[in-house]
């Protein structure tokens, strides 16, 4: 097995569907879609996506029930731009259990605003790694996006348990980007679509110049959080070591997407981790966090003073 078996109480809401690697819950919200559209379609879509995520085999490893990765996908439909074609915002959350505790640490917490797809009720939800665009790129775009984020979740999870453990899944995510559907209204897959999108996220995690990203996840989770039960002070120092890795990357490239990505959903956790740290460690953590996680700088300054 690729990770330690941990019996825990999930803090994330989980699905009761029996699956493979994932314990995923999908929610489809359609409150902004015109009342003339049959809303039953979206319940069918929600069920189909849930089955797609939980029943597909994403890795070659065997997962026990308690080892499955808890994740939530909230697909909020914002517009029907033509018959059966929708624009949406997708929020992805995944958690990682901490050894010797019932705590789930945020692993991924991200909102993708570039989701456009076609769905006709009862159409088959399919994903083929050899033909990602399928026969209809707009219909295939939805499963391509979901498969992309599954592989990013797997990459981060494996990285958090072993050094560079997630490489194969980050590569799969990059392959999805390379073969992604292309068509009218489809965005988020190309470098020129913006500075914060699926292209740049997978680029960062596959670029050898940013190898310290992987060291950060291992130091933060396996050497840090997992060791809090045994030796809190040493565990915090390992987490500071991970933050120093990010600081090195920040010095060379302040606009790196993966830097901001790391801190999404972690400010409360980081504040609590260092509130009771020895003064020297608390001061060092506060300085690093105020520099690296600018949107929460005032929070760290106040809570870690």
C-alpha atoms as a PDB file:
ATOM      1  CA  UNK A   1       0.000   0.000   0.000  1.00  0.00           C
ATOM      2  CA  UNK A   2       1.170   3.533  -0.736  1.00  0.00           C
ATOM      3  CA  UNK A   3       0.124   5.013   2.592  1.00  0.00           C
ATOM      4  CA  UNK A   4      -0.417   4.230   6.263  1.00  0.00           C
ATOM      5  CA  UNK A   5      -3.838   2.931   7.197  1.00  0.00           C
ATOM      6  CA  UNK A   6      -5.562   5.501   9.361  1.00  0.00           C
ATOM      7  CA  UNK A   7      -8.923   4.994  11.061  1.00  0.00           C
ATOM      8  CA  UNK A   8     -10.591   8.373  11.265  1.00  0.00           C
ATOM      9  CA  UNK A   9     -13.762  10.420  11.362  1.00  0.00           C
ATOM     10  CA  UNK A  10     -14.059  12.250   8.080  1.00  0.00           C
ATOM     11  CA  UNK A  11     -14.513  15.986   8.438  1.00  0.00           C
ATOM     12  CA  UNK A  12     -15.472  16.271   4.783  1.00  0.00           C
ATOM     13  CA  UNK A  13     -18.906  15.016   3.753  1.00  0.00           C
ATOM     14  CA  UNK A  14     -18.378  11.736   1.966  1.00  0.00           C
ATOM     15  CA  UNK A  15     -20.329   9.624  -0.441  1.00  0.00           C
ATOM     16  CA  UNK A  16     -21.637   6.211   0.503  1.00  0.00           C
ATOM     17  CA  UNK A  17     -20.894   4.869  -2.966  1.00  0.00           C
ATOM     18  CA  UNK A  18     -18.389   2.051  -2.925  1.00  0.00           C
ATOM     19  CA  UNK A  19     -15.512   2.934  -5.201  1.00  0.00           C
ATOM     20  CA  UNK A  20     -11.851   2.592  -6.034  1.00  0.00           C
ATOM     21  CA  UNK A  21      -9.380   5.292  -4.975  1.00  0.00           C
ATOM     22  CA  UNK A  22     -11.893   8.057  -4.352  1.00  0.00           C
ATOM     23  CA  UNK A  23     -14.634   8.724  -1.884  1.00  0.00           C
ATOM     24  CA  UNK A  24     -16.102  11.563  -3.934  1.00  0.00           C
ATOM     25  CA  UNK A  25     -19.243  13.580  -3.578  1.00  0.00           C
ATOM     26  CA  UNK A  26     -20.534  15.573  -6.545  1.00  0.00           C
ATOM     27  CA  UNK A  27     -23.110  18.349  -6.228  1.00  0.00           C
ATOM     28  CA  UNK A  28     -24.636  20.012  -9.273  1.00  0.00           C
ATOM     29  CA  UNK A  29     -26.349  23.349  -8.663  1.00  0.00           C
ATOM     30  CA  UNK A  30     -28.590  24.802 -11.369  1.00  0.00           C
ATOM     31  CA  UNK A  31     -30.368  27.670  -9.633  1.00  0.00           C
ATOM     32  CA  UNK A  32     -29.162  30.183 -12.226  1.00  0.00           C
ATOM     33  CA  UNK A  33     -30.389  28.158 -15.193  1.00  0.00           C
ATOM     34  CA  UNK A  34     -33.638  29.258 -16.843  1.00  0.00           C
ATOM     35  CA  UNK A  35     -36.825  27.684 -15.532  1.00  0.00           C
ATOM     36  CA  UNK A  36     -37.656  26.417 -19.023  1.00  0.00           C
ATOM     37  CA  UNK A  37     -34.820  23.909 -18.769  1.00  0.00           C
ATOM     38  CA  UNK A  38     -35.786  20.546 -17.287  1.00  0.00           C
ATOM     39  CA  UNK A  39     -33.964  20.450 -13.930  1.00  0.00           C
ATOM     40  CA  UNK A  40     -34.167  16.639 -13.755  1.00  0.00           C
ATOM     41  CA  UNK A  41     -31.280  16.621 -16.209  1.00  0.00           C
ATOM     42  CA  UNK A  42     -28.949  17.976 -13.536  1.00  0.00           C
ATOM     43  CA  UNK A  43     -29.837  15.318 -10.991  1.00  0.00           C
ATOM     44  CA  UNK A  44     -29.040  12.719 -13.629  1.00  0.00           C
ATOM     45  CA  UNK A  45     -25.748  14.484 -14.345  1.00  0.00           C
ATOM     46  CA  UNK A  46     -24.878  14.559 -10.653  1.00  0.00           C
ATOM     47  CA  UNK A  47     -25.430  10.826 -10.315  1.00  0.00           C
ATOM     48  CA  UNK A  48     -23.483  10.079 -13.491  1.00  0.00           C
ATOM     49  CA  UNK A  49     -20.483  12.148 -12.398  1.00  0.00           C
ATOM     50  CA  UNK A  50     -20.497  10.585  -8.933  1.00  0.00           C
ATOM     51  CA  UNK A  51     -20.424   7.105 -10.443  1.00  0.00           C
ATOM     52  CA  UNK A  52     -17.731   8.157 -12.917  1.00  0.00           C
ATOM     53  CA  UNK A  53     -15.409   9.369 -10.170  1.00  0.00           C
ATOM     54  CA  UNK A  54     -16.004   6.618  -7.636  1.00  0.00           C
ATOM     55  CA  UNK A  55     -16.252   3.561  -9.864  1.00  0.00           C
ATOM     56  CA  UNK A  56     -13.396   4.208 -12.277  1.00  0.00           C
ATOM     57  CA  UNK A  57      -9.974   2.716 -11.472  1.00  0.00           C
ATOM     58  CA  UNK A  58      -7.537   5.672 -11.510  1.00  0.00           C
ATOM     59  CA  UNK A  59      -4.329   3.962 -10.309  1.00  0.00           C
ATOM     60  CA  UNK A  60      -2.731   0.533 -10.213  1.00  0.00           C
ATOM     61  CA  UNK A  61      -2.761   0.465  -6.412  1.00  0.00           C
ATOM     62  CA  UNK A  62      -5.283  -1.242  -4.157  1.00  0.00           C
ATOM     63  CA  UNK A  63      -7.108   1.007  -1.693  1.00  0.00           C
ATOM     64  CA  UNK A  64      -8.892  -0.126   1.432  1.00  0.00           C
ATOM     65  CA  UNK A  65     -12.107   1.670   2.342  1.00  0.00           C
ATOM     66  CA  UNK A  66     -10.428   3.797   5.012  1.00  0.00           C
ATOM     67  CA  UNK A  67      -7.652   4.820   2.618  1.00  0.00           C
ATOM     68  CA  UNK A  68      -9.837   6.330  -0.056  1.00  0.00           C
ATOM     69  CA  UNK A  69      -9.329  10.011  -0.744  1.00  0.00           C
ATOM     70  CA  UNK A  70     -12.237  12.130   0.387  1.00  0.00           C
ATOM     71  CA  UNK A  71     -13.067  14.850  -2.121  1.00  0.00           C
ATOM     72  CA  UNK A  72     -15.956  17.123  -3.064  1.00  0.00           C
ATOM     73  CA  UNK A  73     -16.812  18.558  -6.467  1.00  0.00           C
ATOM     74  CA  UNK A  74     -19.360  21.382  -6.601  1.00  0.00           C
ATOM     75  CA  UNK A  75     -20.463  22.159 -10.163  1.00  0.00           C
ATOM     76  CA  UNK A  76     -22.380  25.431 -10.126  1.00  0.00           C
ATOM     77  CA  UNK A  77     -24.063  26.069 -13.472  1.00  0.00           C
ATOM     78  CA  UNK A  78     -24.168  29.793 -14.203  1.00  0.00           C
ATOM     79  CA  UNK A  79     -25.561  29.987 -17.750  1.00  0.00           C
ATOM     80  CA  UNK A  80     -27.088  27.881 -20.511  1.00  0.00           C
ATOM     81  CA  UNK A  81     -25.414  29.424 -23.534  1.00  0.00           C
ATOM     82  CA  UNK A  82     -27.183  27.253 -26.104  1.00  0.00           C
ATOM     83  CA  UNK A  83     -29.359  24.121 -25.978  1.00  0.00           C
ATOM     84  CA  UNK A  84     -27.680  21.531 -23.727  1.00  0.00           C
ATOM     85  CA  UNK A  85     -24.499  23.624 -23.418  1.00  0.00           C
ATOM     86  CA  UNK A  86     -23.673  25.183 -20.063  1.00  0.00           C
ATOM     87  CA  UNK A  87     -21.143  27.474 -18.486  1.00  0.00           C
ATOM     88  CA  UNK A  88     -20.196  26.643 -14.890  1.00  0.00           C
ATOM     89  CA  UNK A  89     -17.848  27.166 -11.980  1.00  0.00           C
ATOM     90  CA  UNK A  90     -16.282  24.042 -10.474  1.00  0.00           C
ATOM     91  CA  UNK A  91     -15.067  24.011  -6.866  1.00  0.00           C
ATOM     92  CA  UNK A  92     -12.776  21.118  -5.947  1.00  0.00           C
ATOM     93  CA  UNK A  93     -11.863  20.138  -2.395  1.00  0.00           C
ATOM     94  CA  UNK A  94      -9.799  17.211  -1.197  1.00  0.00           C
ATOM     95  CA  UNK A  95      -8.568  16.259   2.264  1.00  0.00           C
ATOM     96  CA  UNK A  96      -5.648  14.277   3.608  1.00  0.00           C
ATOM     97  CA  UNK A  97      -5.857  12.431   6.955  1.00  0.00           C
ATOM     98  CA  UNK A  98      -3.235  13.224   9.593  1.00  0.00           C
ATOM     99  CA  UNK A  99      -1.602  10.242  11.291  1.00  0.00           C
ATOM    100  CA  UNK A 100      -2.675   9.464  14.861  1.00  0.00           C
ATOM    101  CA  UNK A 101      -5.582  11.895  14.788  1.00  0.00           C
ATOM    102  CA  UNK A 102      -9.119  12.305  13.501  1.00  0.00           C
ATOM    103  CA  UNK A 103      -8.140  15.469  11.642  1.00  0.00           C
ATOM    104  CA  UNK A 104      -8.342  15.959   7.871  1.00  0.00           C
ATOM    105  CA  UNK A 105      -5.934  18.547   6.484  1.00  0.00           C
ATOM    106  CA  UNK A 106      -6.941  20.449   3.325  1.00  0.00           C
ATOM    107  CA  UNK A 107      -4.972  19.080   0.396  1.00  0.00           C
ATOM    108  CA  UNK A 108      -6.677  20.942  -2.421  1.00  0.00           C
ATOM    109  CA  UNK A 109      -9.228  23.757  -2.341  1.00  0.00           C
ATOM    110  CA  UNK A 110      -9.620  25.408  -5.707  1.00  0.00           C
ATOM    111  CA  UNK A 111     -12.238  27.100  -7.872  1.00  0.00           C
ATOM    112  CA  UNK A 112     -12.123  26.713 -11.652  1.00  0.00           C
ATOM    113  CA  UNK A 113     -14.127  29.399 -13.454  1.00  0.00           C
ATOM    114  CA  UNK A 114     -13.464  28.100 -16.986  1.00  0.00           C
ATOM    115  CA  UNK A 115     -15.927  25.231 -17.304  1.00  0.00           C
ATOM    116  CA  UNK A 116     -18.082  24.899 -20.417  1.00  0.00           C
ATOM    117  CA  UNK A 117     -19.662  21.617 -21.440  1.00  0.00           C
ATOM    118  CA  UNK A 118     -22.470  19.914 -23.297  1.00  0.00           C
ATOM    119  CA  UNK A 119     -24.730  17.422 -21.581  1.00  0.00           C
ATOM    120  CA  UNK A 120     -27.841  15.669 -22.837  1.00  0.00           C
ATOM    121  CA  UNK A 121     -29.698  13.645 -20.233  1.00  0.00           C
ATOM    122  CA  UNK A 122     -28.521  10.023 -19.998  1.00  0.00           C
ATOM    123  CA  UNK A 123     -25.560  10.564 -22.324  1.00  0.00           C
ATOM    124  CA  UNK A 124     -22.674   8.325 -21.348  1.00  0.00           C
ATOM    125  CA  UNK A 125     -20.017   9.876 -19.124  1.00  0.00           C
ATOM    126  CA  UNK A 126     -16.792   8.617 -20.633  1.00  0.00           C
ATOM    127  CA  UNK A 127     -13.091   9.441 -20.501  1.00  0.00           C
ATOM    128  CA  UNK A 128     -10.548   7.906 -22.845  1.00  0.00           C
ATOM    129  CA  UNK A 129      -6.905   8.827 -22.186  1.00  0.00           C
ATOM    130  CA  UNK A 130      -6.073   8.021 -25.819  1.00  0.00           C
ATOM    131  CA  UNK A 131      -8.853  10.175 -27.251  1.00  0.00           C
ATOM    132  CA  UNK A 132      -9.619  12.878 -24.714  1.00  0.00           C
ATOM    133  CA  UNK A 133     -11.662  15.050 -27.084  1.00  0.00           C
ATOM    134  CA  UNK A 134     -13.836  12.173 -28.249  1.00  0.00           C
ATOM    135  CA  UNK A 135     -16.316  12.765 -31.064  1.00  0.00           C
ATOM    136  CA  UNK A 136     -17.761  15.915 -29.465  1.00  0.00           C
ATOM    137  CA  UNK A 137     -15.194  18.203 -27.779  1.00  0.00           C
ATOM    138  CA  UNK A 138     -17.784  20.236 -25.878  1.00  0.00           C
ATOM    139  CA  UNK A 139     -19.310  17.086 -24.375  1.00  0.00           C
ATOM    140  CA  UNK A 140     -15.873  15.609 -23.649  1.00  0.00           C
ATOM    141  CA  UNK A 141     -14.683  18.783 -21.941  1.00  0.00           C
ATOM    142  CA  UNK A 142     -16.556  17.982 -18.734  1.00  0.00           C
ATOM    143  CA  UNK A 143     -14.973  14.569 -18.165  1.00  0.00           C
ATOM    144  CA  UNK A 144     -11.578  15.896 -19.246  1.00  0.00           C
ATOM    145  CA  UNK A 145     -11.789  18.563 -16.541  1.00  0.00           C
ATOM    146  CA  UNK A 146     -12.901  16.092 -13.867  1.00  0.00           C
ATOM    147  CA  UNK A 147     -10.192  13.582 -14.851  1.00  0.00           C
ATOM    148  CA  UNK A 148      -7.615  16.363 -14.779  1.00  0.00           C
ATOM    149  CA  UNK A 149      -8.462  17.298 -11.198  1.00  0.00           C
ATOM    150  CA  UNK A 150      -8.592  13.669 -10.101  1.00  0.00           C
ATOM    151  CA  UNK A 151      -5.012  13.249 -11.281  1.00  0.00           C
ATOM    152  CA  UNK A 152      -3.947  16.482  -9.570  1.00  0.00           C
ATOM    153  CA  UNK A 153      -5.526  15.218  -6.331  1.00  0.00           C
ATOM    154  CA  UNK A 154      -3.755  11.873  -6.690  1.00  0.00           C
ATOM    155  CA  UNK A 155      -0.451  13.598  -7.422  1.00  0.00           C
ATOM    156  CA  UNK A 156      -0.694  15.778  -4.330  1.00  0.00           C
ATOM    157  CA  UNK A 157      -1.808  12.874  -2.158  1.00  0.00           C
ATOM    158  CA  UNK A 158       1.035  10.613  -3.273  1.00  0.00           C
ATOM    159  CA  UNK A 159       3.552  13.472  -2.911  1.00  0.00           C
ATOM    160  CA  UNK A 160       2.385  13.941   0.672  1.00  0.00           C
ATOM    161  CA  UNK A 161       3.259  10.338   1.563  1.00  0.00           C
ATOM    162  CA  UNK A 162       6.533   9.771  -0.300  1.00  0.00           C
ATOM    163  CA  UNK A 163       9.174  11.946  -1.986  1.00  0.00           C
ATOM    164  CA  UNK A 164       8.096  12.662  -5.579  1.00  0.00           C
ATOM    165  CA  UNK A 165       5.426  10.011  -5.190  1.00  0.00           C
ATOM    166  CA  UNK A 166       2.916  11.897  -7.328  1.00  0.00           C
ATOM    167  CA  UNK A 167       5.013  12.362 -10.470  1.00  0.00           C
ATOM    168  CA  UNK A 168       3.071   9.844 -12.563  1.00  0.00           C
ATOM    169  CA  UNK A 169      -0.255  11.565 -11.848  1.00  0.00           C
ATOM    170  CA  UNK A 170       1.007  15.077 -12.492  1.00  0.00           C
ATOM    171  CA  UNK A 171       2.237  13.739 -15.823  1.00  0.00           C
ATOM    172  CA  UNK A 172      -1.212  12.307 -16.545  1.00  0.00           C
ATOM    173  CA  UNK A 173      -2.740  15.696 -15.783  1.00  0.00           C
ATOM    174  CA  UNK A 174      -0.273  17.302 -18.181  1.00  0.00           C
ATOM    175  CA  UNK A 175      -1.175  14.747 -20.855  1.00  0.00           C
ATOM    176  CA  UNK A 176      -4.839  15.706 -20.466  1.00  0.00           C
ATOM    177  CA  UNK A 177      -3.864  19.345 -21.002  1.00  0.00           C
ATOM    178  CA  UNK A 178      -1.934  18.409 -24.150  1.00  0.00           C
ATOM    179  CA  UNK A 179      -4.856  16.434 -25.586  1.00  0.00           C
ATOM    180  CA  UNK A 180      -7.631  18.603 -24.191  1.00  0.00           C
ATOM    181  CA  UNK A 181     -10.808  19.352 -26.158  1.00  0.00           C
ATOM    182  CA  UNK A 182     -10.607  22.434 -28.328  1.00  0.00           C
ATOM    183  CA  UNK A 183     -13.587  24.374 -29.571  1.00  0.00           C
ATOM    184  CA  UNK A 184     -15.816  27.392 -29.259  1.00  0.00           C
ATOM    185  CA  UNK A 185     -16.325  28.509 -25.650  1.00  0.00           C
ATOM    186  CA  UNK A 186     -13.745  26.011 -24.321  1.00  0.00           C
ATOM    187  CA  UNK A 187     -11.069  27.730 -22.222  1.00  0.00           C
ATOM    188  CA  UNK A 188      -8.613  26.991 -19.421  1.00  0.00           C
ATOM    189  CA  UNK A 189      -6.395  24.508 -21.231  1.00  0.00           C
ATOM    190  CA  UNK A 190      -3.943  26.860 -22.944  1.00  0.00           C
ATOM    191  CA  UNK A 191      -1.152  29.139 -21.758  1.00  0.00           C
ATOM    192  CA  UNK A 192      -2.772  32.170 -23.371  1.00  0.00           C
ATOM    193  CA  UNK A 193      -6.127  31.568 -21.631  1.00  0.00           C
ATOM    194  CA  UNK A 194      -4.768  33.350 -18.538  1.00  0.00           C
ATOM    195  CA  UNK A 195      -2.111  33.178 -15.817  1.00  0.00           C
ATOM    196  CA  UNK A 196      -4.160  30.982 -13.461  1.00  0.00           C
ATOM    197  CA  UNK A 197      -5.653  27.964 -15.192  1.00  0.00           C
ATOM    198  CA  UNK A 198      -5.313  24.224 -15.705  1.00  0.00           C
ATOM    199  CA  UNK A 199      -2.418  24.654 -18.115  1.00  0.00           C
ATOM    200  CA  UNK A 200      -0.261  26.578 -15.667  1.00  0.00           C
ATOM    201  CA  UNK A 201      -1.099  24.423 -12.665  1.00  0.00           C
ATOM    202  CA  UNK A 202       0.056  21.216 -14.327  1.00  0.00           C
ATOM    203  CA  UNK A 203       3.024  23.036 -15.885  1.00  0.00           C
ATOM    204  CA  UNK A 204       4.232  24.110 -12.450  1.00  0.00           C
ATOM    205  CA  UNK A 205       4.033  20.607 -10.996  1.00  0.00           C
ATOM    206  CA  UNK A 206       5.782  19.026 -13.988  1.00  0.00           C
ATOM    207  CA  UNK A 207       8.502  21.647 -14.444  1.00  0.00           C
ATOM    208  CA  UNK A 208      11.853  20.490 -13.014  1.00  0.00           C
ATOM    209  CA  UNK A 209      12.663  24.116 -12.108  1.00  0.00           C
ATOM    210  CA  UNK A 210       9.956  23.906  -9.459  1.00  0.00           C
ATOM    211  CA  UNK A 211      10.922  20.548  -7.950  1.00  0.00           C
ATOM    212  CA  UNK A 212      10.843  22.122  -4.486  1.00  0.00           C
ATOM    213  CA  UNK A 213       7.044  22.095  -4.724  1.00  0.00           C
ATOM    214  CA  UNK A 214       7.100  18.341  -4.263  1.00  0.00           C
ATOM    215  CA  UNK A 215       9.543  18.573  -1.352  1.00  0.00           C
ATOM    216  CA  UNK A 216       7.179  21.075   0.273  1.00  0.00           C
ATOM    217  CA  UNK A 217       4.184  18.722   0.247  1.00  0.00           C
ATOM    218  CA  UNK A 218       6.254  15.868   1.672  1.00  0.00           C
ATOM    219  CA  UNK A 219       7.770  18.058   4.405  1.00  0.00           C
ATOM    220  CA  UNK A 220       4.445  19.646   5.296  1.00  0.00           C
ATOM    221  CA  UNK A 221       2.356  16.489   5.531  1.00  0.00           C
ATOM    222  CA  UNK A 222       4.533  13.429   6.121  1.00  0.00           C
ATOM    223  CA  UNK A 223       7.396  14.988   8.078  1.00  0.00           C
ATOM    224  CA  UNK A 224       5.281  17.709   9.651  1.00  0.00           C
ATOM    225  CA  UNK A 225       1.619  17.043  10.340  1.00  0.00           C
ATOM    226  CA  UNK A 226       2.033  13.266  10.637  1.00  0.00           C
ATOM    227  CA  UNK A 227       4.692  13.764  13.313  1.00  0.00           C
ATOM    228  CA  UNK A 228       2.768  16.247  15.466  1.00  0.00           C
ATOM    229  CA  UNK A 229       1.645  13.482  17.823  1.00  0.00           C
ATOM    230  CA  UNK A 230       5.224  12.341  18.490  1.00  0.00           C
ATOM    231  CA  UNK A 231       7.105  15.646  18.646  1.00  0.00           C
ATOM    232  CA  UNK A 232       5.253  18.900  18.023  1.00  0.00           C
ATOM    233  CA  UNK A 233       8.283  21.163  17.942  1.00  0.00           C
ATOM    234  CA  UNK A 234      10.227  19.011  15.502  1.00  0.00           C
ATOM    235  CA  UNK A 235       7.126  18.628  13.332  1.00  0.00           C
ATOM    236  CA  UNK A 236       6.692  22.409  13.199  1.00  0.00           C
ATOM    237  CA  UNK A 237      10.315  22.808  12.178  1.00  0.00           C
ATOM    238  CA  UNK A 238       9.724  20.411   9.285  1.00  0.00           C
ATOM    239  CA  UNK A 239       6.741  22.496   8.228  1.00  0.00           C
ATOM    240  CA  UNK A 240       8.917  25.613   8.382  1.00  0.00           C
ATOM    241  CA  UNK A 241      11.404  23.751   6.196  1.00  0.00           C
ATOM    242  CA  UNK A 242       8.609  23.231   3.674  1.00  0.00           C
ATOM    243  CA  UNK A 243       7.715  26.922   3.826  1.00  0.00           C
ATOM    244  CA  UNK A 244      11.367  27.757   3.195  1.00  0.00           C
ATOM    245  CA  UNK A 245      11.195  25.650   0.026  1.00  0.00           C
ATOM    246  CA  UNK A 246       8.284  27.806  -1.109  1.00  0.00           C
ATOM    247  CA  UNK A 247      10.195  30.933  -0.145  1.00  0.00           C
ATOM    248  CA  UNK A 248      13.040  29.887  -2.431  1.00  0.00           C
ATOM    249  CA  UNK A 249      10.583  29.505  -5.298  1.00  0.00           C
ATOM    250  CA  UNK A 250       8.930  32.830  -4.414  1.00  0.00           C
ATOM    251  CA  UNK A 251      12.264  34.632  -4.594  1.00  0.00           C
ATOM    252  CA  UNK A 252      12.745  33.482  -8.178  1.00  0.00           C
ATOM    253  CA  UNK A 253       9.139  33.623  -9.387  1.00  0.00           C
ATOM    254  CA  UNK A 254       6.610  35.550  -7.324  1.00  0.00           C
ATOM    255  CA  UNK A 255       3.764  34.909  -9.767  1.00  0.00           C
ATOM    256  CA  UNK A 256       4.054  31.124  -9.734  1.00  0.00           C
ATOM    257  CA  UNK A 257       0.507  29.758  -9.666  1.00  0.00           C
ATOM    258  CA  UNK A 258       1.416  26.766  -7.503  1.00  0.00           C
ATOM    259  CA  UNK A 259       2.557  29.045  -4.667  1.00  0.00           C
ATOM    260  CA  UNK A 260      -0.897  30.573  -4.208  1.00  0.00           C
ATOM    261  CA  UNK A 261      -2.476  27.190  -4.885  1.00  0.00           C
ATOM    262  CA  UNK A 262      -0.656  25.640  -1.901  1.00  0.00           C
ATOM    263  CA  UNK A 263      -2.123  28.101   0.594  1.00  0.00           C
ATOM    264  CA  UNK A 264      -5.757  27.924  -0.525  1.00  0.00           C
ATOM    265  CA  UNK A 265      -7.828  26.774   2.453  1.00  0.00           C
ATOM    266  CA  UNK A 266      -4.823  26.464   4.788  1.00  0.00           C
ATOM    267  CA  UNK A 267      -4.724  29.794   6.676  1.00  0.00           C
ATOM    268  CA  UNK A 268      -6.717  28.563   9.692  1.00  0.00           C
ATOM    269  CA  UNK A 269      -4.652  25.399   9.909  1.00  0.00           C
ATOM    270  CA  UNK A 270      -1.335  27.257   9.695  1.00  0.00           C
ATOM    271  CA  UNK A 271      -2.370  29.794  12.319  1.00  0.00           C
ATOM    272  CA  UNK A 272      -3.386  27.046  14.740  1.00  0.00           C
ATOM    273  CA  UNK A 273      -0.190  25.077  14.065  1.00  0.00           C
ATOM    274  CA  UNK A 274       2.080  27.919  15.094  1.00  0.00           C
ATOM    275  CA  UNK A 275       0.058  29.684  17.807  1.00  0.00           C
ATOM    276  CA  UNK A 276       1.597  27.462  20.480  1.00  0.00           C
ATOM    277  CA  UNK A 277       5.028  27.178  18.881  1.00  0.00           C
ATOM    278  CA  UNK A 278       8.158  28.365  20.705  1.00  0.00           C
ATOM    279  CA  UNK A 279       8.618  32.132  20.155  1.00  0.00           C
ATOM    280  CA  UNK A 280      11.489  31.747  17.696  1.00  0.00           C
ATOM    281  CA  UNK A 281       9.610  29.234  15.525  1.00  0.00           C
ATOM    282  CA  UNK A 282       6.400  31.261  15.724  1.00  0.00           C
ATOM    283  CA  UNK A 283       8.198  34.424  14.625  1.00  0.00           C
ATOM    284  CA  UNK A 284       9.914  32.637  11.740  1.00  0.00           C
ATOM    285  CA  UNK A 285       6.650  31.069  10.577  1.00  0.00           C
ATOM    286  CA  UNK A 286       4.829  34.395  10.825  1.00  0.00           C
ATOM    287  CA  UNK A 287       7.445  36.161   8.711  1.00  0.00           C
ATOM    288  CA  UNK A 288       7.346  33.463   6.035  1.00  0.00           C
ATOM    289  CA  UNK A 289       3.563  33.251   5.946  1.00  0.00           C
ATOM    290  CA  UNK A 290       3.062  37.007   5.708  1.00  0.00           C
ATOM    291  CA  UNK A 291       5.417  37.057   2.756  1.00  0.00           C
ATOM    292  CA  UNK A 292       4.118  33.987   0.937  1.00  0.00           C
ATOM    293  CA  UNK A 293       0.374  34.087   1.647  1.00  0.00           C
ATOM    294  CA  UNK A 294      -0.234  37.788   1.100  1.00  0.00           C
ATOM    295  CA  UNK A 295      -4.036  37.588   1.113  1.00  0.00           C
ATOM    296  CA  UNK A 296      -3.904  36.320   4.722  1.00  0.00           C
ATOM    297  CA  UNK A 297      -0.910  38.375   5.877  1.00  0.00           C
ATOM    298  CA  UNK A 298      -2.889  40.478   8.354  1.00  0.00           C
ATOM    299  CA  UNK A 299      -4.364  37.316   9.892  1.00  0.00           C
ATOM    300  CA  UNK A 300      -0.924  35.791  10.492  1.00  0.00           C
ATOM    301  CA  UNK A 301       0.402  39.080  11.835  1.00  0.00           C
ATOM    302  CA  UNK A 302      -2.426  39.280  14.342  1.00  0.00           C
ATOM    303  CA  UNK A 303      -2.667  35.627  15.393  1.00  0.00           C
ATOM    304  CA  UNK A 304       1.057  34.785  15.484  1.00  0.00           C
ATOM    305  CA  UNK A 305       2.347  37.913  17.203  1.00  0.00           C
END
